[in-house]
N, C-alpha and C. Protein backbone atom coordinates (compact mmCIF):
# COMPACT_ATOMS: atom_id res chain seq x y z
N MET A 1 221.11 144.87 75.77
CA MET A 1 222.55 144.97 75.98
C MET A 1 223.08 146.29 75.76
N SER A 2 224.05 146.27 77.06
CA SER A 2 224.16 147.73 76.95
C SER A 2 225.70 148.32 76.46
N LYS A 3 226.10 149.26 75.65
CA LYS A 3 227.17 149.69 75.14
C LYS A 3 228.24 150.34 75.92
N LYS A 4 229.25 149.67 75.96
CA LYS A 4 230.63 150.15 76.86
C LYS A 4 230.74 151.49 76.30
N ILE A 5 230.83 152.32 77.35
CA ILE A 5 231.32 153.95 77.44
C ILE A 5 232.91 154.12 77.77
N GLU A 6 233.85 154.28 76.84
CA GLU A 6 235.26 154.46 76.80
C GLU A 6 235.53 155.93 77.74
N PHE A 7 236.41 156.07 78.44
CA PHE A 7 236.70 157.44 79.15
C PHE A 7 237.84 157.40 79.49
N GLU A 8 238.17 158.37 79.69
CA GLU A 8 239.78 158.86 79.89
C GLU A 8 239.69 159.62 81.10
N LYS A 9 240.38 158.87 82.53
CA LYS A 9 240.69 159.83 83.73
C LYS A 9 241.21 161.23 83.32
N SER A 10 240.71 162.05 84.41
CA SER A 10 241.31 163.44 84.33
C SER A 10 242.54 163.64 85.29
N SER A 11 243.47 164.49 84.38
CA SER A 11 244.39 164.79 86.18
C SER A 11 243.95 165.58 87.01
N GLY A 12 243.04 166.27 86.74
CA GLY A 12 242.46 167.33 87.80
C GLY A 12 242.68 168.76 86.83
N ASN A 13 243.26 168.90 85.80
CA ASN A 13 243.55 170.18 85.36
C ASN A 13 243.26 170.04 83.78
N VAL A 14 242.00 170.49 83.56
CA VAL A 14 241.47 170.28 82.25
C VAL A 14 242.59 171.10 80.92
N PHE A 15 243.29 171.87 81.38
CA PHE A 15 244.33 172.25 80.29
C PHE A 15 245.33 171.46 80.09
N LYS A 16 245.87 170.53 81.29
CA LYS A 16 246.75 169.72 81.15
C LYS A 16 246.35 168.53 79.92
N ASP A 17 245.45 168.11 80.55
CA ASP A 17 244.69 167.07 79.66
C ASP A 17 244.46 167.28 78.45
N LEU A 18 244.17 168.86 78.04
CA LEU A 18 244.17 169.20 76.55
C LEU A 18 245.70 169.40 75.67
N ASP A 19 246.35 169.13 76.76
CA ASP A 19 247.98 169.37 76.35
C ASP A 19 248.35 170.75 75.79
N LEU A 20 247.59 171.84 76.49
CA LEU A 20 248.05 173.33 76.44
C LEU A 20 249.01 173.73 76.84
N PRO A 21 249.91 174.70 76.29
CA PRO A 21 251.02 175.01 76.78
C PRO A 21 250.58 176.05 78.19
N ASP A 22 251.36 176.19 78.65
CA ASP A 22 251.14 176.94 79.99
C ASP A 22 250.01 176.56 81.02
N ALA A 23 249.88 175.08 80.69
CA ALA A 23 248.68 174.60 81.24
C ALA A 23 248.60 174.93 83.20
N ASP A 24 249.56 174.94 83.50
CA ASP A 24 249.42 175.22 85.20
C ASP A 24 249.24 176.35 85.42
N GLU A 25 249.59 177.34 84.54
CA GLU A 25 249.10 178.58 84.93
C GLU A 25 247.84 178.95 84.33
N LEU A 26 247.36 178.16 83.28
CA LEU A 26 245.99 178.66 82.63
C LEU A 26 245.14 178.25 83.94
N PHE A 27 245.26 177.25 84.50
CA PHE A 27 244.47 176.46 85.74
C PHE A 27 244.65 177.41 86.97
N LEU A 28 245.92 178.08 87.12
CA LEU A 28 245.92 178.95 88.38
C LEU A 28 244.83 179.82 88.01
N LYS A 29 244.89 180.57 86.75
CA LYS A 29 244.28 181.67 86.68
C LYS A 29 242.66 181.55 86.17
N ALA A 30 242.11 180.16 85.95
CA ALA A 30 241.14 179.80 86.37
C ALA A 30 240.36 179.89 87.74
N LYS A 31 241.26 179.11 88.56
CA LYS A 31 240.96 178.91 90.01
C LYS A 31 240.66 180.35 90.78
N LEU A 32 241.68 181.37 90.56
CA LEU A 32 241.52 182.60 90.97
C LEU A 32 240.55 183.63 90.23
N GLY A 33 240.16 183.25 89.06
CA GLY A 33 239.43 183.98 88.14
C GLY A 33 237.93 183.53 88.73
N PHE A 34 237.77 182.33 89.10
CA PHE A 34 236.71 181.86 89.30
C PHE A 34 236.05 182.21 90.76
N GLU A 35 237.17 182.46 91.61
CA GLU A 35 237.14 183.23 92.94
C GLU A 35 236.58 184.45 92.90
N VAL A 36 237.18 185.30 92.49
CA VAL A 36 236.61 186.67 92.10
C VAL A 36 235.28 186.54 91.74
N PHE A 37 234.80 185.83 90.57
CA PHE A 37 233.50 186.05 90.03
C PHE A 37 232.71 185.75 91.55
N GLN A 38 232.76 184.25 92.02
CA GLN A 38 231.80 183.96 92.85
C GLN A 38 231.54 185.04 94.16
N ILE A 39 232.84 185.65 94.12
CA ILE A 39 232.58 186.76 95.31
C ILE A 39 231.65 187.46 94.95
N ILE A 40 231.87 188.09 93.75
CA ILE A 40 230.81 189.26 93.42
C ILE A 40 229.67 188.72 93.36
N GLU A 41 229.40 187.55 92.85
CA GLU A 41 227.85 186.67 92.57
C GLU A 41 227.39 186.84 94.17
N ASP A 42 227.80 186.36 95.18
CA ASP A 42 227.81 185.76 96.23
C ASP A 42 227.32 187.52 97.34
N ARG A 43 227.89 188.63 96.61
CA ARG A 43 227.65 189.73 97.25
C ARG A 43 226.58 190.32 96.59
N GLN A 44 226.25 189.78 95.24
CA GLN A 44 225.26 190.33 94.47
C GLN A 44 225.44 191.87 94.02
N LEU A 45 226.78 191.90 93.60
CA LEU A 45 227.15 193.26 93.29
C LEU A 45 226.62 193.58 91.54
N THR A 46 226.35 194.65 91.41
CA THR A 46 226.19 194.94 89.77
C THR A 46 227.83 194.89 89.26
N GLN A 47 227.72 195.21 87.94
CA GLN A 47 228.97 195.01 87.40
C GLN A 47 229.55 196.77 87.54
N ALA A 48 228.79 197.64 87.79
CA ALA A 48 229.26 198.76 88.12
C ALA A 48 230.10 198.90 89.51
N GLU A 49 229.02 198.40 90.31
CA GLU A 49 229.82 198.21 91.94
C GLU A 49 231.13 197.28 91.81
N ALA A 50 231.02 195.98 91.08
CA ALA A 50 232.32 195.44 91.34
C ALA A 50 233.24 196.02 90.51
N ALA A 51 232.86 196.66 89.48
CA ALA A 51 234.25 197.47 88.58
C ALA A 51 234.55 198.68 89.48
N LYS A 52 233.89 199.52 90.35
CA LYS A 52 234.32 200.76 91.24
C LYS A 52 235.05 199.73 92.28
N ILE A 53 234.81 198.73 92.69
CA ILE A 53 235.94 197.84 93.86
C ILE A 53 236.99 197.71 93.26
N LEU A 54 236.90 196.93 92.04
CA LEU A 54 238.33 196.38 91.85
C LEU A 54 239.11 197.02 91.11
N GLY A 55 238.48 198.66 90.77
CA GLY A 55 239.28 199.50 89.89
C GLY A 55 239.38 199.69 88.42
N VAL A 56 238.56 199.02 87.78
CA VAL A 56 238.23 198.74 86.49
C VAL A 56 237.28 199.11 85.88
N LYS A 57 237.00 198.97 84.34
CA LYS A 57 235.41 199.42 83.70
C LYS A 57 234.61 198.25 83.84
N GLN A 58 233.67 198.47 83.51
CA GLN A 58 232.51 197.72 83.49
C GLN A 58 232.73 196.74 82.54
N PRO A 59 233.06 196.70 81.24
CA PRO A 59 233.46 195.52 80.44
C PRO A 59 234.30 194.57 80.95
N GLU A 60 235.36 194.76 81.64
CA GLU A 60 236.21 194.22 82.33
C GLU A 60 235.44 192.98 83.48
N ILE A 61 234.35 193.38 84.13
CA ILE A 61 233.68 192.66 84.78
C ILE A 61 232.76 191.78 83.83
N SER A 62 232.35 192.24 83.10
CA SER A 62 231.68 191.30 81.76
C SER A 62 232.56 190.19 81.50
N ARG A 63 233.68 190.63 81.39
CA ARG A 63 234.67 189.54 80.74
C ARG A 63 235.13 188.45 81.76
N LEU A 64 235.30 188.84 83.35
CA LEU A 64 235.33 188.06 84.29
C LEU A 64 234.19 187.15 84.35
N LYS A 65 233.18 187.71 84.29
CA LYS A 65 231.76 186.51 84.41
C LYS A 65 231.87 185.75 83.27
N LYS A 66 232.26 186.18 82.12
CA LYS A 66 232.42 185.08 80.81
C LYS A 66 233.30 184.19 81.12
N GLY A 67 234.19 184.37 82.34
CA GLY A 67 235.45 183.25 82.30
C GLY A 67 236.70 183.28 81.48
N LYS A 68 236.54 184.49 81.00
CA LYS A 68 237.84 184.89 79.99
C LYS A 68 238.92 185.28 80.91
N PHE A 69 239.30 184.56 81.85
CA PHE A 69 240.52 184.63 82.93
C PHE A 69 241.97 184.59 82.47
N HIS A 70 241.99 184.11 81.13
CA HIS A 70 243.69 184.16 80.24
C HIS A 70 244.02 185.53 80.16
N HIS A 71 242.80 186.42 80.24
CA HIS A 71 243.19 188.02 79.94
C HIS A 71 243.82 188.70 80.78
N TYR A 72 243.83 188.03 82.30
CA TYR A 72 244.45 188.79 83.63
C TYR A 72 245.82 188.00 83.58
N SER A 73 246.73 188.66 84.29
CA SER A 73 247.60 187.92 84.97
C SER A 73 247.34 187.50 86.33
N VAL A 74 248.26 186.47 86.97
CA VAL A 74 248.05 185.94 88.15
C VAL A 74 248.15 187.00 89.43
N GLU A 75 248.90 188.05 89.00
CA GLU A 75 249.00 189.38 90.12
C GLU A 75 247.91 190.34 89.91
N ARG A 76 247.22 190.23 89.20
CA ARG A 76 245.91 190.84 88.79
C ARG A 76 244.99 190.32 89.27
N LEU A 77 244.62 189.02 89.38
CA LEU A 77 243.62 188.42 89.74
C LEU A 77 243.66 188.84 91.32
N LEU A 78 245.04 188.30 91.71
CA LEU A 78 245.23 188.48 93.14
C LEU A 78 244.90 189.86 94.03
N THR A 79 245.25 190.96 92.77
CA THR A 79 245.03 192.22 93.32
C THR A 79 243.40 192.62 93.66
N PHE A 80 242.43 191.84 92.79
CA PHE A 80 241.06 191.96 92.62
C PHE A 80 240.75 191.14 93.96
N LEU A 81 241.35 190.02 94.54
CA LEU A 81 240.98 189.39 95.59
C LEU A 81 241.14 190.16 96.67
N ASN A 82 242.56 190.94 96.82
CA ASN A 82 242.40 191.87 98.04
C ASN A 82 241.62 192.69 98.07
N ARG A 83 241.31 193.48 97.02
CA ARG A 83 240.09 194.56 96.87
C ARG A 83 238.75 193.75 97.41
N LEU A 84 238.74 192.74 97.31
CA LEU A 84 237.36 192.21 97.62
C LEU A 84 237.20 191.47 99.14
N ASN A 85 238.37 192.12 99.82
CA ASN A 85 238.64 191.75 101.25
C ASN A 85 238.80 190.37 101.73
N ARG A 86 239.73 189.91 100.88
CA ARG A 86 240.52 188.69 100.79
C ARG A 86 242.04 188.58 101.35
N ASP A 87 242.29 187.94 102.04
CA ASP A 87 243.88 187.55 102.56
C ASP A 87 244.56 186.60 101.38
N ILE A 88 245.47 186.47 101.18
CA ILE A 88 246.18 185.47 100.21
C ILE A 88 247.63 185.28 100.99
N GLU A 89 247.56 183.83 101.18
CA GLU A 89 248.78 183.14 101.42
C GLU A 89 249.54 182.52 100.30
N ILE A 90 250.66 182.67 100.20
CA ILE A 90 251.41 181.65 99.47
C ILE A 90 252.07 180.64 100.38
N ARG A 91 252.25 179.46 100.30
CA ARG A 91 253.14 178.87 101.02
C ARG A 91 253.55 177.85 100.25
N ILE A 92 255.11 177.54 100.19
CA ILE A 92 255.93 176.71 99.42
C ILE A 92 256.15 175.76 100.24
N THR A 93 255.82 174.40 99.88
CA THR A 93 256.50 173.13 100.74
C THR A 93 257.19 172.55 99.62
N PRO A 94 258.25 171.22 100.10
CA PRO A 94 258.85 170.54 99.39
C PRO A 94 257.63 169.39 98.76
N SER A 95 258.06 169.11 97.86
CA SER A 95 256.87 168.10 97.10
C SER A 95 257.69 166.68 96.81
N GLY A 96 258.65 166.62 97.54
CA GLY A 96 259.43 164.79 97.68
C GLY A 96 260.05 164.75 96.49
N TYR A 97 259.53 163.72 95.69
CA TYR A 97 260.35 163.10 94.65
C TYR A 97 259.89 163.67 93.36
N ARG A 98 258.51 163.99 93.67
CA ARG A 98 257.50 164.44 92.37
C ARG A 98 257.73 166.04 91.80
N GLU A 99 257.69 166.24 90.69
CA GLU A 99 257.41 167.84 90.51
C GLU A 99 256.46 168.20 91.24
N GLY A 100 256.58 169.48 91.38
CA GLY A 100 255.93 170.52 92.35
C GLY A 100 254.27 170.87 91.68
N GLN A 101 253.34 171.01 92.34
CA GLN A 101 252.23 171.50 91.63
C GLN A 101 251.64 173.00 92.38
N GLN A 102 250.91 173.58 91.93
CA GLN A 102 250.26 174.87 92.37
C GLN A 102 248.65 174.79 92.56
N ARG A 103 248.25 174.99 93.75
CA ARG A 103 247.18 174.81 94.11
C ARG A 103 246.34 175.76 94.59
N VAL A 104 244.76 176.28 94.57
CA VAL A 104 244.30 177.56 95.07
C VAL A 104 243.29 176.23 96.26
N ILE A 105 243.53 176.68 97.56
CA ILE A 105 242.74 176.53 98.78
C ILE A 105 241.76 177.60 99.11
N THR A 106 240.71 177.69 98.93
CA THR A 106 239.98 178.62 99.43
C THR A 106 239.12 178.00 100.85
N VAL A 107 238.61 178.87 102.04
CA VAL A 107 238.31 178.61 103.15
C VAL A 107 237.19 179.72 102.98
């Protein structure tokens, strides 16, 4: 006989699910920070090379690789993406009758 497993459906934002303050901002930073990390990995950059491109010291790259994105402002993460040859578009659209949400869509 199998035991029934209880679970709770995620909202798609783990920070909101954990009822953390500023959940939307934390989620946005995580998405942007992960994109920075992924580009560094895809290019197989050393931490020193990545630091030079981003204009930071090597320990900052280590922090990024550990997923400590909350140490950075959204603006700084966007700057990192620009320095990694990424264009950024911000598009504001009506959300209808629900509260608006923030999304990061990568191409």
